[in-house]
Amino acid sequence: MKKSVITLLVVTAILGLTACGGKKEETPMSEAPSTIVQEETVVSEATIESETENSEGQVFTGTVEEVKSFMVIATGEDGNAYSFEIENAAVAVGDKVQITYTGNLTDMDSTLVASKIEKAVK
């Protein structure tokens, strides 16, 4: 009885391992397709509306969520939060602001540097 239970458990374990350990097919680099696909970035309409461009840079409109000595974190109309580097910003949490900045909102690796922060006209 013990031998048949152990044999059944071993067979079950082997079947379980072989079912989960399927073969991985790899394509050698010499046979890989040479087509390069350009990555597309989708920007929501709210981001486009809150971001305009002028001669000094782009303008972002949003609400201040956090103020630090070296940066301001603001939430845009699309609900996403962005951090802008700036020294000594004269704004408070909850203020609706227009931030003139350089950088790219859609690029996660881009540094957003604010050149000017003004309270938005309500």
C-alpha atoms as a PDB file:
ATOM      1  CA  MET A   1       0.000   0.000   0.000  1.00  0.00           C
ATOM      2  CA  LYS A   2       2.757   2.430   0.954  1.00  0.00           C
ATOM      3  CA  LYS A   3       4.701   1.638  -2.207  1.00  0.00           C
ATOM      4  CA  SER A   4       1.706   2.310  -4.441  1.00  0.00           C
ATOM      5  CA  VAL A   5       0.966   5.665  -2.711  1.00  0.00           C
ATOM      6  CA  ILE A   6       4.629   6.728  -2.993  1.00  0.00           C
ATOM      7  CA  THR A   7       4.739   5.643  -6.647  1.00  0.00           C
ATOM      8  CA  LEU A   8       1.554   7.608  -7.345  1.00  0.00           C
ATOM      9  CA  LEU A   9       2.995  10.722  -5.655  1.00  0.00           C
ATOM     10  CA  VAL A  10       6.267  10.432  -7.604  1.00  0.00           C
ATOM     11  CA  VAL A  11       4.434  10.035 -10.920  1.00  0.00           C
ATOM     12  CA  THR A  12       2.209  13.028 -10.091  1.00  0.00           C
ATOM     13  CA  ALA A  13       5.245  15.166  -9.214  1.00  0.00           C
ATOM     14  CA  ILE A  14       7.059  14.187 -12.418  1.00  0.00           C
ATOM     15  CA  LEU A  15       4.004  14.966 -14.544  1.00  0.00           C
ATOM     16  CA  GLY A  16       3.568  18.297 -12.773  1.00  0.00           C
ATOM     17  CA  LEU A  17       7.192  19.287 -13.336  1.00  0.00           C
ATOM     18  CA  THR A  18       7.194  18.316 -16.995  1.00  0.00           C
ATOM     19  CA  ALA A  19       3.935  20.197 -17.631  1.00  0.00           C
ATOM     20  CA  CYS A  20       5.341  23.427 -16.116  1.00  0.00           C
ATOM     21  CA  GLY A  21       8.815  23.128 -17.624  1.00  0.00           C
ATOM     22  CA  GLY A  22       7.886  23.446 -21.292  1.00  0.00           C
ATOM     23  CA  LYS A  23      10.550  23.981 -23.948  1.00  0.00           C
ATOM     24  CA  LYS A  24      11.638  27.531 -24.662  1.00  0.00           C
ATOM     25  CA  GLU A  25      12.229  28.156 -28.327  1.00  0.00           C
ATOM     26  CA  GLU A  26      14.964  30.684 -28.996  1.00  0.00           C
ATOM     27  CA  THR A  27      15.628  32.321 -32.335  1.00  0.00           C
ATOM     28  CA  PRO A  28      19.331  32.759 -33.037  1.00  0.00           C
ATOM     29  CA  MET A  29      20.386  36.396 -33.590  1.00  0.00           C
ATOM     30  CA  SER A  30      21.345  35.669 -37.198  1.00  0.00           C
ATOM     31  CA  GLU A  31      17.771  34.549 -37.942  1.00  0.00           C
ATOM     32  CA  ALA A  32      16.021  37.300 -35.991  1.00  0.00           C
ATOM     33  CA  PRO A  33      13.945  39.694 -38.074  1.00  0.00           C
ATOM     34  CA  SER A  34      15.693  42.964 -38.822  1.00  0.00           C
ATOM     35  CA  THR A  35      12.565  45.093 -38.581  1.00  0.00           C
ATOM     36  CA  ILE A  36      12.788  47.906 -36.046  1.00  0.00           C
ATOM     37  CA  VAL A  37       9.503  48.965 -34.496  1.00  0.00           C
ATOM     38  CA  GLN A  38       9.295  52.530 -33.258  1.00  0.00           C
ATOM     39  CA  GLU A  39       7.681  52.862 -29.856  1.00  0.00           C
ATOM     40  CA  GLU A  40       4.552  55.001 -29.794  1.00  0.00           C
ATOM     41  CA  THR A  41       3.622  57.184 -26.861  1.00  0.00           C
ATOM     42  CA  VAL A  42      -0.042  57.816 -26.201  1.00  0.00           C
ATOM     43  CA  VAL A  43      -0.876  61.046 -24.425  1.00  0.00           C
ATOM     44  CA  SER A  44      -4.305  61.572 -22.941  1.00  0.00           C
ATOM     45  CA  GLU A  45      -6.386  64.552 -24.056  1.00  0.00           C
ATOM     46  CA  ALA A  46      -6.251  65.982 -20.513  1.00  0.00           C
ATOM     47  CA  THR A  47      -2.464  66.116 -20.687  1.00  0.00           C
ATOM     48  CA  ILE A  48      -2.580  67.853 -24.049  1.00  0.00           C
ATOM     49  CA  GLU A  49      -5.005  70.430 -22.697  1.00  0.00           C
ATOM     50  CA  SER A  50      -2.894  71.109 -19.605  1.00  0.00           C
ATOM     51  CA  GLU A  51       0.321  71.409 -21.595  1.00  0.00           C
ATOM     52  CA  THR A  52       0.919  74.245 -24.043  1.00  0.00           C
ATOM     53  CA  GLU A  53       4.102  75.666 -25.487  1.00  0.00           C
ATOM     54  CA  ASN A  54       5.431  79.222 -25.438  1.00  0.00           C
ATOM     55  CA  SER A  55       8.797  80.841 -26.149  1.00  0.00           C
ATOM     56  CA  GLU A  56      10.133  80.062 -22.650  1.00  0.00           C
ATOM     57  CA  GLY A  57       9.154  76.372 -22.692  1.00  0.00           C
ATOM     58  CA  GLN A  58       6.023  74.358 -22.121  1.00  0.00           C
ATOM     59  CA  VAL A  59       3.261  75.417 -19.741  1.00  0.00           C
ATOM     60  CA  PHE A  60       1.640  72.900 -17.397  1.00  0.00           C
ATOM     61  CA  THR A  61      -1.570  73.668 -15.505  1.00  0.00           C
ATOM     62  CA  GLY A  62      -2.337  71.724 -12.362  1.00  0.00           C
ATOM     63  CA  THR A  63      -2.813  71.668  -8.604  1.00  0.00           C
ATOM     64  CA  VAL A  64       0.099  71.716  -6.133  1.00  0.00           C
ATOM     65  CA  GLU A  65       0.260  68.513  -4.068  1.00  0.00           C
ATOM     66  CA  GLU A  66       3.604  68.992  -2.301  1.00  0.00           C
ATOM     67  CA  VAL A  67       6.214  71.771  -1.977  1.00  0.00           C
ATOM     68  CA  LYS A  68       9.849  71.076  -1.102  1.00  0.00           C
ATOM     69  CA  SER A  69      12.841  73.403  -1.035  1.00  0.00           C
ATOM     70  CA  PHE A  70      14.048  72.136  -4.418  1.00  0.00           C
ATOM     71  CA  MET A  71      10.887  70.920  -6.158  1.00  0.00           C
ATOM     72  CA  VAL A  72       7.117  71.123  -6.525  1.00  0.00           C
ATOM     73  CA  ILE A  73       4.839  68.144  -7.143  1.00  0.00           C
ATOM     74  CA  ALA A  74       1.655  69.019  -9.045  1.00  0.00           C
ATOM     75  CA  THR A  75      -1.243  66.951 -10.332  1.00  0.00           C
ATOM     76  CA  GLY A  76      -2.470  67.698 -13.838  1.00  0.00           C
ATOM     77  CA  GLU A  77      -5.992  67.649 -15.151  1.00  0.00           C
ATOM     78  CA  ASP A  78      -5.370  64.048 -16.239  1.00  0.00           C
ATOM     79  CA  GLY A  79      -4.912  63.007 -12.588  1.00  0.00           C
ATOM     80  CA  ASN A  80      -1.177  62.208 -12.940  1.00  0.00           C
ATOM     81  CA  ALA A  81       1.364  63.765 -10.574  1.00  0.00           C
ATOM     82  CA  TYR A  82       4.557  65.362 -11.940  1.00  0.00           C
ATOM     83  CA  SER A  83       7.583  66.709 -10.069  1.00  0.00           C
ATOM     84  CA  PHE A  84       9.210  69.933 -11.254  1.00  0.00           C
ATOM     85  CA  GLU A  85      12.642  71.025 -10.073  1.00  0.00           C
ATOM     86  CA  ILE A  86      12.670  74.647  -8.873  1.00  0.00           C
ATOM     87  CA  GLU A  87      14.269  76.561  -6.026  1.00  0.00           C
ATOM     88  CA  ASN A  88      12.068  78.355  -3.467  1.00  0.00           C
ATOM     89  CA  ALA A  89       8.668  78.232  -5.122  1.00  0.00           C
ATOM     90  CA  ALA A  90       6.193  80.746  -3.692  1.00  0.00           C
ATOM     91  CA  VAL A  91       3.166  78.447  -3.808  1.00  0.00           C
ATOM     92  CA  ALA A  92       1.248  76.395  -1.280  1.00  0.00           C
ATOM     93  CA  VAL A  93      -0.391  72.976  -1.300  1.00  0.00           C
ATOM     94  CA  GLY A  94      -3.775  73.170  -3.028  1.00  0.00           C
ATOM     95  CA  ASP A  95      -2.893  76.167  -5.238  1.00  0.00           C
ATOM     96  CA  LYS A  96      -3.905  75.894  -8.897  1.00  0.00           C
ATOM     97  CA  VAL A  97      -0.767  76.864 -10.825  1.00  0.00           C
ATOM     98  CA  GLN A  98       0.706  77.337 -14.280  1.00  0.00           C
ATOM     99  CA  ILE A  99       4.272  76.008 -14.475  1.00  0.00           C
ATOM    100  CA  THR A 100       6.571  77.002 -17.326  1.00  0.00           C
ATOM    101  CA  TYR A 101       9.098  74.195 -17.701  1.00  0.00           C
ATOM    102  CA  THR A 102      11.506  72.322 -19.926  1.00  0.00           C
ATOM    103  CA  GLY A 103      11.455  68.555 -20.306  1.00  0.00           C
ATOM    104  CA  ASN A 104       8.968  65.963 -21.506  1.00  0.00           C
ATOM    105  CA  LEU A 105       5.930  64.933 -19.443  1.00  0.00           C
ATOM    106  CA  THR A 106       5.501  61.669 -21.320  1.00  0.00           C
ATOM    107  CA  ASP A 107       9.119  60.533 -20.846  1.00  0.00           C
ATOM    108  CA  MET A 108       9.539  58.905 -17.440  1.00  0.00           C
ATOM    109  CA  ASP A 109      13.314  59.478 -17.515  1.00  0.00           C
ATOM    110  CA  SER A 110      13.032  63.179 -18.404  1.00  0.00           C
ATOM    111  CA  THR A 111      13.792  65.781 -15.738  1.00  0.00           C
ATOM    112  CA  LEU A 112      11.172  68.515 -15.601  1.00  0.00           C
ATOM    113  CA  VAL A 113      12.818  71.832 -14.735  1.00  0.00           C
ATOM    114  CA  ALA A 114      10.479  74.719 -13.947  1.00  0.00           C
ATOM    115  CA  SER A 115      11.586  78.212 -14.943  1.00  0.00           C
ATOM    116  CA  LYS A 116       8.480  79.927 -13.580  1.00  0.00           C
ATOM    117  CA  ILE A 117       5.507  79.044 -11.381  1.00  0.00           C
ATOM    118  CA  GLU A 118       2.473  81.334 -11.232  1.00  0.00           C
ATOM    119  CA  LYS A 119      -0.899  80.937  -9.591  1.00  0.00           C
ATOM    120  CA  ALA A 120      -3.460  80.204 -12.286  1.00  0.00           C
ATOM    121  CA  VAL A 121      -6.287  82.596 -12.954  1.00  0.00           C
ATOM    122  CA  LYS A 122      -9.509  81.017 -11.708  1.00  0.00           C
END
